[in-house]
Amino acid sequence: MSKLMSENKSQNNFDWSNISFNLHDLLTSFALLLCGLSLALVAIRLGPVAKWANYQSTCVEAISSKYPIEYAVRKCNGRSKVYQVK
C-alpha cells in the first residue's frame, strides 16, 4: 500500500521546467481563439437584425392577407406609396 501511495505522489509532481513551447502551436492556438471571439461578437451583434427580420415576417404575413405581397413588403418597409414607372 505504501508503494502505491509513493507512486501516486511521484506522478502528481509535475516538472514545469520540462515544458517546451512550440511557436507554431502557440500561434495556431492564438489564431483559433481570436477567430472564436470574432464569431461570438458577430453572433451578438446580429441579434437586433434577427428581431427586425422577425418583425418584417410577421408584418408581411398580416398585411398580405388583404393586399398583394409586393404592397405588403413596401408597407412594412415604410414605403407604402405605389411607385409609378415612367
PDB file of N, CA and C in Angstrom:
ATOM      1  N   MET A   1       0.820  -1.188   0.000  1.00  0.00           N
ATOM      2  CA  MET A   1       0.000   0.000   0.000  1.00  0.00           C
ATOM      3  C   MET A   1       0.865   1.254   0.000  1.00  0.00           C
ATOM      4  N   SER A   2       1.933   1.214   0.754  1.00  0.00           N
ATOM      5  CA  SER A   2       2.818   2.374   0.833  1.00  0.00           C
ATOM      6  C   SER A   2       3.516   2.608  -0.506  1.00  0.00           C
ATOM      7  N   LYS A   3       3.819   1.531  -1.224  1.00  0.00           N
ATOM      8  CA  LYS A   3       4.454   1.672  -2.520  1.00  0.00           C
ATOM      9  C   LYS A   3       3.501   2.359  -3.511  1.00  0.00           C
ATOM     10  N   LEU A   4       2.226   2.023  -3.451  1.00  0.00           N
ATOM     11  CA  LEU A   4       1.229   2.619  -4.320  1.00  0.00           C
ATOM     12  C   LEU A   4       1.087   4.109  -4.036  1.00  0.00           C
ATOM     13  N   MET A   5       1.101   4.497  -2.774  1.00  0.00           N
ATOM     14  CA  MET A   5       0.986   5.907  -2.408  1.00  0.00           C
ATOM     15  C   MET A   5       2.213   6.690  -2.863  1.00  0.00           C
ATOM     16  N   SER A   6       3.385   6.089  -2.763  1.00  0.00           N
ATOM     17  CA  SER A   6       4.589   6.793  -3.198  1.00  0.00           C
ATOM     18  C   SER A   6       4.607   6.961  -4.716  1.00  0.00           C
ATOM     19  N   GLU A   7       4.060   5.999  -5.451  1.00  0.00           N
ATOM     20  CA  GLU A   7       3.967   6.131  -6.907  1.00  0.00           C
ATOM     21  C   GLU A   7       3.007   7.242  -7.290  1.00  0.00           C
ATOM     22  N   ASN A   8       1.879   7.343  -6.581  1.00  0.00           N
ATOM     23  CA  ASN A   8       0.908   8.399  -6.858  1.00  0.00           C
ATOM     24  C   ASN A   8       1.511   9.773  -6.583  1.00  0.00           C
ATOM     25  N   LYS A   9       2.290   9.898  -5.519  1.00  0.00           N
ATOM     26  CA  LYS A   9       2.918  11.178  -5.199  1.00  0.00           C
ATOM     27  C   LYS A   9       3.921  11.572  -6.268  1.00  0.00           C
ATOM     28  N   SER A  10       4.659  10.613  -6.766  1.00  0.00           N
ATOM     29  CA  SER A  10       5.655  10.933  -7.792  1.00  0.00           C
ATOM     30  C   SER A  10       4.973  11.294  -9.108  1.00  0.00           C
ATOM     31  N   GLN A  11       3.816  10.746  -9.381  1.00  0.00           N
ATOM     32  CA  GLN A  11       3.089  11.081 -10.603  1.00  0.00           C
ATOM     33  C   GLN A  11       2.447  12.458 -10.497  1.00  0.00           C
ATOM     34  N   ASN A  12       2.088  12.897  -9.308  1.00  0.00           N
ATOM     35  CA  ASN A  12       1.443  14.188  -9.127  1.00  0.00           C
ATOM     36  C   ASN A  12       2.426  15.341  -9.216  1.00  0.00           C
ATOM     37  N   ASN A  13       3.700  15.079  -8.990  1.00  0.00           N
ATOM     38  CA  ASN A  13       4.699  16.142  -9.093  1.00  0.00           C
ATOM     39  C   ASN A  13       5.015  16.371 -10.567  1.00  0.00           C
ATOM     40  N   PHE A  14       4.622  17.533 -11.051  1.00  0.00           N
ATOM     41  CA  PHE A  14       4.821  17.856 -12.460  1.00  0.00           C
ATOM     42  C   PHE A  14       5.995  18.814 -12.568  1.00  0.00           C
ATOM     43  N   ASP A  15       6.900  18.509 -13.437  1.00  0.00           N
ATOM     44  CA  ASP A  15       8.109  19.322 -13.590  1.00  0.00           C
ATOM     45  C   ASP A  15       7.861  20.382 -14.665  1.00  0.00           C
ATOM     46  N   TRP A  16       7.668  21.618 -14.246  1.00  0.00           N
ATOM     47  CA  TRP A  16       7.373  22.722 -15.164  1.00  0.00           C
ATOM     48  C   TRP A  16       8.596  23.120 -15.995  1.00  0.00           C
ATOM     49  N   SER A  17       9.768  22.727 -15.603  1.00  0.00           N
ATOM     50  CA  SER A  17      10.965  23.098 -16.356  1.00  0.00           C
ATOM     51  C   SER A  17      11.107  22.291 -17.647  1.00  0.00           C
ATOM     52  N   ASN A  18      10.393  21.193 -17.769  1.00  0.00           N
ATOM     53  CA  ASN A  18      10.486  20.365 -18.968  1.00  0.00           C
ATOM     54  C   ASN A  18       9.483  20.768 -20.053  1.00  0.00           C
ATOM     55  N   ILE A  19       8.736  21.833 -19.832  1.00  0.00           N
ATOM     56  CA  ILE A  19       7.747  22.262 -20.816  1.00  0.00           C
ATOM     57  C   ILE A  19       8.450  23.078 -21.896  1.00  0.00           C
ATOM     58  N   SER A  20       8.199  22.717 -23.126  1.00  0.00           N
ATOM     59  CA  SER A  20       8.751  23.499 -24.236  1.00  0.00           C
ATOM     60  C   SER A  20       7.580  23.969 -25.093  1.00  0.00           C
ATOM     61  N   PHE A  21       7.624  25.220 -25.501  1.00  0.00           N
ATOM     62  CA  PHE A  21       6.555  25.788 -26.309  1.00  0.00           C
ATOM     63  C   PHE A  21       6.946  25.753 -27.775  1.00  0.00           C
ATOM     64  N   ASN A  22       6.054  25.206 -28.556  1.00  0.00           N
ATOM     65  CA  ASN A  22       6.251  25.201 -29.985  1.00  0.00           C
ATOM     66  C   ASN A  22       5.586  26.472 -30.515  1.00  0.00           C
ATOM     67  N   LEU A  23       6.339  27.342 -31.171  1.00  0.00           N
ATOM     68  CA  LEU A  23       5.833  28.629 -31.622  1.00  0.00           C
ATOM     69  C   LEU A  23       4.671  28.463 -32.591  1.00  0.00           C
ATOM     70  N   HIS A  24       4.742  27.485 -33.453  1.00  0.00           N
ATOM     71  CA  HIS A  24       3.673  27.249 -34.421  1.00  0.00           C
ATOM     72  C   HIS A  24       2.375  26.885 -33.709  1.00  0.00           C
ATOM     73  N   ASP A  25       2.440  26.002 -32.731  1.00  0.00           N
ATOM     74  CA  ASP A  25       1.244  25.615 -31.987  1.00  0.00           C
ATOM     75  C   ASP A  25       0.683  26.795 -31.190  1.00  0.00           C
ATOM     76  N   LEU A  26       1.556  27.607 -30.631  1.00  0.00           N
ATOM     77  CA  LEU A  26       1.124  28.771 -29.865  1.00  0.00           C
ATOM     78  C   LEU A  26       0.402  29.771 -30.752  1.00  0.00           C
ATOM     79  N   LEU A  27       0.951  30.040 -31.934  1.00  0.00           N
ATOM     80  CA  LEU A  27       0.306  30.973 -32.864  1.00  0.00           C
ATOM     81  C   LEU A  27      -1.011  30.412 -33.399  1.00  0.00           C
ATOM     82  N   THR A  28      -1.047  29.126 -33.653  1.00  0.00           N
ATOM     83  CA  THR A  28      -2.279  28.497 -34.117  1.00  0.00           C
ATOM     84  C   THR A  28      -3.362  28.587 -33.052  1.00  0.00           C
ATOM     85  N   SER A  29      -3.009  28.331 -31.813  1.00  0.00           N
ATOM     86  CA  SER A  29      -3.976  28.429 -30.715  1.00  0.00           C
ATOM     87  C   SER A  29      -4.482  29.858 -30.561  1.00  0.00           C
ATOM     88  N   PHE A  30      -3.585  30.827 -30.662  1.00  0.00           N
ATOM     89  CA  PHE A  30      -3.984  32.230 -30.559  1.00  0.00           C
ATOM     90  C   PHE A  30      -4.918  32.617 -31.707  1.00  0.00           C
ATOM     91  N   ALA A  31      -4.622  32.157 -32.914  1.00  0.00           N
ATOM     92  CA  ALA A  31      -5.468  32.464 -34.070  1.00  0.00           C
ATOM     93  C   ALA A  31      -6.851  31.842 -33.918  1.00  0.00           C
ATOM     94  N   LEU A  32      -6.923  30.611 -33.424  1.00  0.00           N
ATOM     95  CA  LEU A  32      -8.219  29.967 -33.210  1.00  0.00           C
ATOM     96  C   LEU A  32      -9.024  30.680 -32.134  1.00  0.00           C
ATOM     97  N   LEU A  33      -8.361  31.118 -31.077  1.00  0.00           N
ATOM     98  CA  LEU A  33      -9.034  31.867 -30.028  1.00  0.00           C
ATOM     99  C   LEU A  33      -9.566  33.189 -30.569  1.00  0.00           C
ATOM    100  N   LEU A  34      -8.774  33.866 -31.368  1.00  0.00           N
ATOM    101  CA  LEU A  34      -9.189  35.130 -31.962  1.00  0.00           C
ATOM    102  C   LEU A  34     -10.376  34.933 -32.903  1.00  0.00           C
ATOM    103  N   CYS A  35     -10.351  33.885 -33.691  1.00  0.00           N
ATOM    104  CA  CYS A  35     -11.477  33.583 -34.585  1.00  0.00           C
ATOM    105  C   CYS A  35     -12.745  33.268 -33.796  1.00  0.00           C
ATOM    106  N   GLY A  36     -12.608  32.513 -32.737  1.00  0.00           N
ATOM    107  CA  GLY A  36     -13.763  32.191 -31.906  1.00  0.00           C
ATOM    108  C   GLY A  36     -14.376  33.432 -31.276  1.00  0.00           C
ATOM    109  N   LEU A  37     -13.537  34.322 -30.772  1.00  0.00           N
ATOM    110  CA  LEU A  37     -14.049  35.568 -30.196  1.00  0.00           C
ATOM    111  C   LEU A  37     -14.723  36.437 -31.248  1.00  0.00           C
ATOM    112  N   SER A  38     -14.156  36.472 -32.441  1.00  0.00           N
ATOM    113  CA  SER A  38     -14.749  37.260 -33.524  1.00  0.00           C
ATOM    114  C   SER A  38     -16.124  36.721 -33.896  1.00  0.00           C
ATOM    115  N   LEU A  39     -16.240  35.420 -34.002  1.00  0.00           N
ATOM    116  CA  LEU A  39     -17.540  34.830 -34.330  1.00  0.00           C
ATOM    117  C   LEU A  39     -18.567  35.076 -33.232  1.00  0.00           C
ATOM    118  N   ALA A  40     -18.129  35.055 -31.984  1.00  0.00           N
ATOM    119  CA  ALA A  40     -19.051  35.338 -30.876  1.00  0.00           C
ATOM    120  C   ALA A  40     -19.542  36.780 -30.949  1.00  0.00           C
ATOM    121  N   LEU A  41     -18.656  37.710 -31.266  1.00  0.00           N
ATOM    122  CA  LEU A  41     -19.067  39.108 -31.396  1.00  0.00           C
ATOM    123  C   LEU A  41     -20.036  39.306 -32.561  1.00  0.00           C
ATOM    124  N   VAL A  42     -19.801  38.629 -33.660  1.00  0.00           N
ATOM    125  CA  VAL A  42     -20.708  38.727 -34.808  1.00  0.00           C
ATOM    126  C   VAL A  42     -22.086  38.193 -34.424  1.00  0.00           C
ATOM    127  N   ALA A  43     -22.121  37.074 -33.729  1.00  0.00           N
ATOM    128  CA  ALA A  43     -23.400  36.496 -33.319  1.00  0.00           C
ATOM    129  C   ALA A  43     -24.158  37.430 -32.384  1.00  0.00           C
ATOM    130  N   ILE A  44     -23.443  38.080 -31.483  1.00  0.00           N
ATOM    131  CA  ILE A  44     -24.093  39.010 -30.556  1.00  0.00           C
ATOM    132  C   ILE A  44     -24.627  40.221 -31.310  1.00  0.00           C
ATOM    133  N   ARG A  45     -23.846  40.734 -32.251  1.00  0.00           N
ATOM    134  CA  ARG A  45     -24.244  41.939 -32.987  1.00  0.00           C
ATOM    135  C   ARG A  45     -25.385  41.675 -33.960  1.00  0.00           C
ATOM    136  N   LEU A  46     -25.645  40.429 -34.336  1.00  0.00           N
ATOM    137  CA  LEU A  46     -26.735  40.112 -35.256  1.00  0.00           C
ATOM    138  C   LEU A  46     -28.080  39.967 -34.554  1.00  0.00           C
ATOM    139  N   GLY A  47     -28.120  40.081 -33.242  1.00  0.00           N
ATOM    140  CA  GLY A  47     -29.376  39.971 -32.503  1.00  0.00           C
ATOM    141  C   GLY A  47     -30.438  40.961 -32.943  1.00  0.00           C
ATOM    142  N   PRO A  48     -30.126  42.263 -33.028  1.00  0.00           N
ATOM    143  CA  PRO A  48     -31.138  43.229 -33.486  1.00  0.00           C
ATOM    144  C   PRO A  48     -31.618  42.971 -34.914  1.00  0.00           C
ATOM    145  N   VAL A  49     -30.735  42.483 -35.781  1.00  0.00           N
ATOM    146  CA  VAL A  49     -31.141  42.179 -37.151  1.00  0.00           C
ATOM    147  C   VAL A  49     -32.147  41.023 -37.155  1.00  0.00           C
ATOM    148  N   ALA A  50     -31.939  40.057 -36.285  1.00  0.00           N
ATOM    149  CA  ALA A  50     -32.870  38.926 -36.182  1.00  0.00           C
ATOM    150  C   ALA A  50     -34.240  39.397 -35.691  1.00  0.00           C
ATOM    151  N   LYS A  51     -34.262  40.325 -34.733  1.00  0.00           N
ATOM    152  CA  LYS A  51     -35.542  40.867 -34.252  1.00  0.00           C
ATOM    153  C   LYS A  51     -36.264  41.608 -35.370  1.00  0.00           C
ATOM    154  N   TRP A  52     -35.526  42.411 -36.137  1.00  0.00           N
ATOM    155  CA  TRP A  52     -36.115  43.162 -37.241  1.00  0.00           C
ATOM    156  C   TRP A  52     -36.678  42.203 -38.301  1.00  0.00           C
ATOM    157  N   ALA A  53     -35.930  41.155 -38.631  1.00  0.00           N
ATOM    158  CA  ALA A  53     -36.381  40.191 -39.634  1.00  0.00           C
ATOM    159  C   ALA A  53     -37.644  39.467 -39.169  1.00  0.00           C
ATOM    160  N   ASN A  54     -37.714  39.155 -37.889  1.00  0.00           N
ATOM    161  CA  ASN A  54     -38.917  38.507 -37.350  1.00  0.00           C
ATOM    162  C   ASN A  54     -40.116  39.448 -37.455  1.00  0.00           C
ATOM    163  N   TYR A  55     -39.892  40.726 -37.134  1.00  0.00           N
ATOM    164  CA  TYR A  55     -40.970  41.710 -37.251  1.00  0.00           C
ATOM    165  C   TYR A  55     -41.419  41.838 -38.702  1.00  0.00           C
ATOM    166  N   GLN A  56     -40.466  41.891 -39.634  1.00  0.00           N
ATOM    167  CA  GLN A  56     -40.805  42.014 -41.047  1.00  0.00           C
ATOM    168  C   GLN A  56     -41.646  40.818 -41.505  1.00  0.00           C
ATOM    169  N   SER A  57     -41.279  39.629 -41.098  1.00  0.00           N
ATOM    170  CA  SER A  57     -42.038  38.430 -41.491  1.00  0.00           C
ATOM    171  C   SER A  57     -43.459  38.485 -40.961  1.00  0.00           C
ATOM    172  N   THR A  58     -43.595  38.872 -39.700  1.00  0.00           N
ATOM    173  CA  THR A  58     -44.923  38.961 -39.090  1.00  0.00           C
ATOM    174  C   THR A  58     -45.767  40.027 -39.781  1.00  0.00           C
ATOM    175  N   CYS A  59     -45.159  41.169 -40.064  1.00  0.00           N
ATOM    176  CA  CYS A  59     -45.863  42.271 -40.712  1.00  0.00           C
ATOM    177  C   CYS A  59     -46.325  41.881 -42.114  1.00  0.00           C
ATOM    178  N   VAL A  60     -45.447  41.279 -42.891  1.00  0.00           N
ATOM    179  CA  VAL A  60     -45.792  40.895 -44.260  1.00  0.00           C
ATOM    180  C   VAL A  60     -46.894  39.843 -44.254  1.00  0.00           C
ATOM    181  N   GLU A  61     -46.824  38.892 -43.338  1.00  0.00           N
ATOM    182  CA  GLU A  61     -47.880  37.875 -43.262  1.00  0.00           C
ATOM    183  C   GLU A  61     -49.229  38.494 -42.936  1.00  0.00           C
ATOM    184  N   ALA A  62     -49.240  39.456 -42.012  1.00  0.00           N
ATOM    185  CA  ALA A  62     -50.506  40.079 -41.613  1.00  0.00           C
ATOM    186  C   ALA A  62     -51.096  40.931 -42.733  1.00  0.00           C
ATOM    187  N   ILE A  63     -50.274  41.708 -43.411  1.00  0.00           N
ATOM    188  CA  ILE A  63     -50.784  42.629 -44.428  1.00  0.00           C
ATOM    189  C   ILE A  63     -51.057  41.915 -45.751  1.00  0.00           C
ATOM    190  N   SER A  64     -50.314  40.861 -46.044  1.00  0.00           N
ATOM    191  CA  SER A  64     -50.510  40.178 -47.325  1.00  0.00           C
ATOM    192  C   SER A  64     -51.825  39.416 -47.385  1.00  0.00           C
ATOM    193  N   SER A  65     -52.518  39.273 -46.275  1.00  0.00           N
ATOM    194  CA  SER A  65     -53.840  38.638 -46.322  1.00  0.00           C
ATOM    195  C   SER A  65     -54.867  39.565 -46.964  1.00  0.00           C
ATOM    196  N   LYS A  66     -54.615  40.894 -46.932  1.00  0.00           N
ATOM    197  CA  LYS A  66     -55.551  41.868 -47.508  1.00  0.00           C
ATOM    198  C   LYS A  66     -55.056  42.437 -48.836  1.00  0.00           C
ATOM    199  N   TYR A  67     -53.754  42.550 -49.009  1.00  0.00           N
ATOM    200  CA  TYR A  67     -53.162  43.203 -50.175  1.00  0.00           C
ATOM    201  C   TYR A  67     -52.174  42.262 -50.852  1.00  0.00           C
ATOM    202  N   PRO A  68     -51.756  42.598 -52.076  1.00  0.00           N
ATOM    203  CA  PRO A  68     -50.718  41.784 -52.735  1.00  0.00           C
ATOM    204  C   PRO A  68     -49.413  41.826 -51.932  1.00  0.00           C
ATOM    205  N   ILE A  69     -48.604  40.803 -52.080  1.00  0.00           N
ATOM    206  CA  ILE A  69     -47.392  40.692 -51.259  1.00  0.00           C
ATOM    207  C   ILE A  69     -46.395  41.812 -51.555  1.00  0.00           C
ATOM    208  N   GLU A  70     -46.349  42.284 -52.813  1.00  0.00           N
ATOM    209  CA  GLU A  70     -45.433  43.380 -53.137  1.00  0.00           C
ATOM    210  C   GLU A  70     -45.778  44.629 -52.335  1.00  0.00           C
ATOM    211  N   TYR A  71     -47.073  44.928 -52.232  1.00  0.00           N
ATOM    212  CA  TYR A  71     -47.510  46.095 -51.470  1.00  0.00           C
ATOM    213  C   TYR A  71     -47.232  45.887 -49.976  1.00  0.00           C
ATOM    214  N   ALA A  72     -47.433  44.666 -49.492  1.00  0.00           N
ATOM    215  CA  ALA A  72     -47.206  44.373 -48.069  1.00  0.00           C
ATOM    216  C   ALA A  72     -45.735  44.582 -47.704  1.00  0.00           C
ATOM    217  N   VAL A  73     -44.836  44.172 -48.594  1.00  0.00           N
ATOM    218  CA  VAL A  73     -43.404  44.352 -48.328  1.00  0.00           C
ATOM    219  C   VAL A  73     -43.059  45.824 -48.292  1.00  0.00           C
ATOM    220  N   ARG A  74     -43.574  46.593 -49.271  1.00  0.00           N
ATOM    221  CA  ARG A  74     -43.305  48.037 -49.277  1.00  0.00           C
ATOM    222  C   ARG A  74     -43.885  48.707 -48.051  1.00  0.00           C
ATOM    223  N   LYS A  75     -45.087  48.332 -47.647  1.00  0.00           N
ATOM    224  CA  LYS A  75     -45.734  48.936 -46.483  1.00  0.00           C
ATOM    225  C   LYS A  75     -44.953  48.633 -45.206  1.00  0.00           C
ATOM    226  N   CYS A  76     -44.464  47.413 -45.054  1.00  0.00           N
ATOM    227  CA  CYS A  76     -43.697  47.054 -43.860  1.00  0.00           C
ATOM    228  C   CYS A  76     -42.335  47.736 -43.831  1.00  0.00           C
ATOM    229  N   ASN A  77     -41.832  48.100 -45.008  1.00  0.00           N
ATOM    230  CA  ASN A  77     -40.564  48.809 -45.075  1.00  0.00           C
ATOM    231  C   ASN A  77     -40.742  50.316 -44.920  1.00  0.00           C
ATOM    232  N   GLY A  78     -41.985  50.772 -44.791  1.00  0.00           N
ATOM    233  CA  GLY A  78     -42.231  52.192 -44.609  1.00  0.00           C
ATOM    234  C   GLY A  78     -42.440  52.941 -45.904  1.00  0.00           C
ATOM    235  N   ARG A  79     -42.565  52.238 -47.007  1.00  0.00           N
ATOM    236  CA  ARG A  79     -42.795  52.877 -48.308  1.00  0.00           C
ATOM    237  C   ARG A  79     -44.077  52.339 -48.902  1.00  0.00           C
ATOM    238  N   SER A  80     -45.193  52.846 -48.424  1.00  0.00           N
ATOM    239  CA  SER A  80     -46.470  52.286 -48.850  1.00  0.00           C
ATOM    240  C   SER A  80     -46.996  52.899 -50.130  1.00  0.00           C
ATOM    241  N   LYS A  81     -46.350  53.940 -50.652  1.00  0.00           N
ATOM    242  CA  LYS A  81     -46.811  54.516 -51.911  1.00  0.00           C
ATOM    243  C   LYS A  81     -46.472  53.568 -53.046  1.00  0.00           C
ATOM    244  N   VAL A  82     -47.381  53.465 -53.983  1.00  0.00           N
ATOM    245  CA  VAL A  82     -47.118  52.644 -55.150  1.00  0.00           C
ATOM    246  C   VAL A  82     -46.387  53.520 -56.155  1.00  0.00           C
ATOM    247  N   TYR A  83     -45.145  53.130 -56.460  1.00  0.00           N
ATOM    248  CA  TYR A  83     -44.327  53.941 -57.353  1.00  0.00           C
ATOM    249  C   TYR A  83     -44.687  53.643 -58.797  1.00  0.00           C
ATOM    250  N   GLN A  84     -44.802  54.696 -59.566  1.00  0.00           N
ATOM    251  CA  GLN A  84     -45.119  54.537 -60.978  1.00  0.00           C
ATOM    252  C   GLN A  84     -43.817  54.508 -61.768  1.00  0.00           C
ATOM    253  N   VAL A  85     -43.747  53.582 -62.685  1.00  0.00           N
ATOM    254  CA  VAL A  85     -42.590  53.502 -63.550  1.00  0.00           C
ATOM    255  C   VAL A  85     -42.843  54.357 -64.762  1.00  0.00           C
ATOM    256  N   LYS A  86     -41.980  55.322 -65.022  1.00  0.00           N
ATOM    257  CA  LYS A  86     -42.172  56.220 -66.174  1.00  0.00           C
ATOM    258  C   LYS A  86     -41.179  55.905 -67.251  1.00  0.00           C
TER     259      LYS A  86
END
